Protein backbone atom coordinates (compact mmCIF):
# COMPACT_ATOMS: atom_id res chain seq x y z
CA MET A 1 104.62 106.15 52.59
CA LEU A 2 104.17 103.18 50.26
CA ALA A 3 102.43 101.54 53.28
CA GLN A 4 100.78 104.97 53.69
CA LYS A 5 99.37 105.65 50.30
CA ALA A 6 98.16 101.98 49.59
CA GLY A 7 96.15 102.45 52.91
CA VAL A 8 97.98 100.36 55.35
CA ASP A 9 98.82 101.29 58.82
CA LEU A 10 102.08 102.50 59.56
CA LEU A 11 102.21 100.40 63.06
CA LEU A 12 101.03 97.37 61.01
CA VAL A 13 104.11 97.51 58.91
CA TYR A 14 106.10 98.33 61.66
CA GLU A 15 105.36 94.91 63.09
CA ALA A 16 105.76 93.10 60.15
CA ILE A 17 109.30 94.26 59.35
CA LYS A 18 110.97 94.79 62.54
CA GLY A 19 111.98 91.53 62.88
CA GLY A 20 114.02 91.30 59.92
CA MET A 21 116.70 93.10 58.60
CA ALA A 22 114.73 96.31 57.77
CA GLY A 23 114.34 96.76 62.02
CA GLY A 24 116.49 98.24 64.17
CA ARG A 25 116.64 100.43 67.06
CA THR A 26 116.09 103.47 65.32
CA LEU A 27 112.74 102.09 64.02
CA ASP A 28 111.48 100.64 67.63
CA MET A 29 112.10 104.55 68.56
CA LYS A 30 110.53 106.46 65.80
CA ALA A 31 107.79 104.39 64.48
CA SER A 32 105.48 104.93 66.87
CA LYS A 33 106.18 108.96 67.27
CA ILE A 34 106.02 109.08 63.86
CA ALA A 35 102.72 107.29 63.49
CA GLU A 36 101.22 110.10 65.68
CA ARG A 37 103.07 112.89 63.87
CA ASN A 38 105.24 113.85 67.12
CA PHE A 39 108.57 115.53 65.57
CA GLU A 40 109.39 116.94 68.64
CA PRO A 41 113.42 116.81 68.94
CA GLY A 42 115.18 113.79 70.35
CA PHE A 43 117.89 114.68 67.79
CA LYS A 44 117.51 117.69 66.10
CA MET A 45 117.64 117.94 61.99
CA ASP A 46 119.80 120.86 62.11
CA LEU A 47 122.52 118.96 64.04
CA HIS A 48 122.20 115.83 61.87
CA ILE A 49 122.68 118.86 58.61
CA LYS A 50 125.93 119.78 60.40
CA ASP A 51 127.14 116.02 60.96
CA LEU A 52 126.50 114.59 57.47
CA LYS A 53 128.27 118.16 56.06
CA ASN A 54 131.52 117.10 57.89
CA ALA A 55 131.04 113.52 56.94
CA LEU A 56 131.07 115.31 53.37
CA GLN A 57 133.52 117.46 53.63
CA ALA A 58 135.85 114.45 55.33
CA GLY A 59 135.04 111.71 52.20
CA LYS A 60 135.87 114.83 49.90
CA ALA A 61 139.45 115.32 51.40
CA LEU A 62 140.30 111.58 51.84
CA GLY A 63 138.86 111.09 48.09
CA VAL A 64 136.04 108.90 49.42
CA PRO A 65 132.49 109.21 47.65
CA LEU A 66 129.67 109.14 50.49
CA PRO A 67 126.65 109.11 47.65
CA SER A 68 124.19 108.06 49.92
CA THR A 69 125.49 110.77 52.93
CA GLY A 70 124.97 113.45 50.17
CA LEU A 71 121.31 112.30 49.32
CA ILE A 72 120.55 112.30 52.96
CA HIS A 73 122.09 116.34 53.31
CA GLU A 74 120.14 117.52 50.52
CA LEU A 75 116.76 115.88 51.83
CA PHE A 76 117.53 116.90 55.33
CA SER A 77 118.47 120.61 54.09
CA ALA A 78 115.25 120.53 52.00
CA CYS A 79 113.36 119.94 55.97
CA SER A 80 115.32 122.72 57.40
CA ALA A 81 114.40 124.71 54.89
CA GLN A 82 111.00 124.55 55.44
CA GLY A 83 111.22 125.47 58.93
CA LYS A 84 111.98 122.14 60.14
CA GLY A 85 115.49 122.26 61.19
CA GLN A 86 114.17 122.38 65.12
CA LYS A 87 112.47 119.25 64.56
CA ASP A 88 113.25 115.41 64.96
CA HIS A 89 115.15 114.09 62.18
CA SER A 90 112.25 112.01 61.78
CA VAL A 91 110.64 115.09 60.26
CA ILE A 92 111.81 113.94 56.90
CA PHE A 93 108.76 111.67 57.04
CA THR A 94 106.70 114.98 55.95
CA LEU A 95 109.07 115.94 53.09
CA ILE A 96 108.36 112.47 51.59
CA GLU A 97 104.52 112.66 51.96
CA HIS A 98 104.72 116.18 50.25
CA MET A 99 106.90 114.58 47.65
CA ALA A 100 104.76 111.90 47.36
CA GLY A 101 101.51 114.27 46.78
CA MET A 102 100.09 113.41 50.40
CA ASN A 103 100.23 116.59 52.16
CA ARG A 104 98.22 117.24 55.64
């Protein structure tokens, strides 16, 4: 979102970072789809929410704090509340757009 708001092409950013620690299989699979705004499901947001909830419950039961998991659960839940639960989990991009004041 930072790159987009600065007017930098998202795919150029992907090319610049894909070989470093920020790169990875998920980024390789999702970068072009996000740039195309193609959020048809590969893995649905609502399924991620279920998995995150299970992880949070296990963490609570075992006394293991999972702050990042909790944050992602809340962000994904916000997407689902916007009616995007059946979209690909990369639709979180649109939530961050909204938070950055870049609504489309």
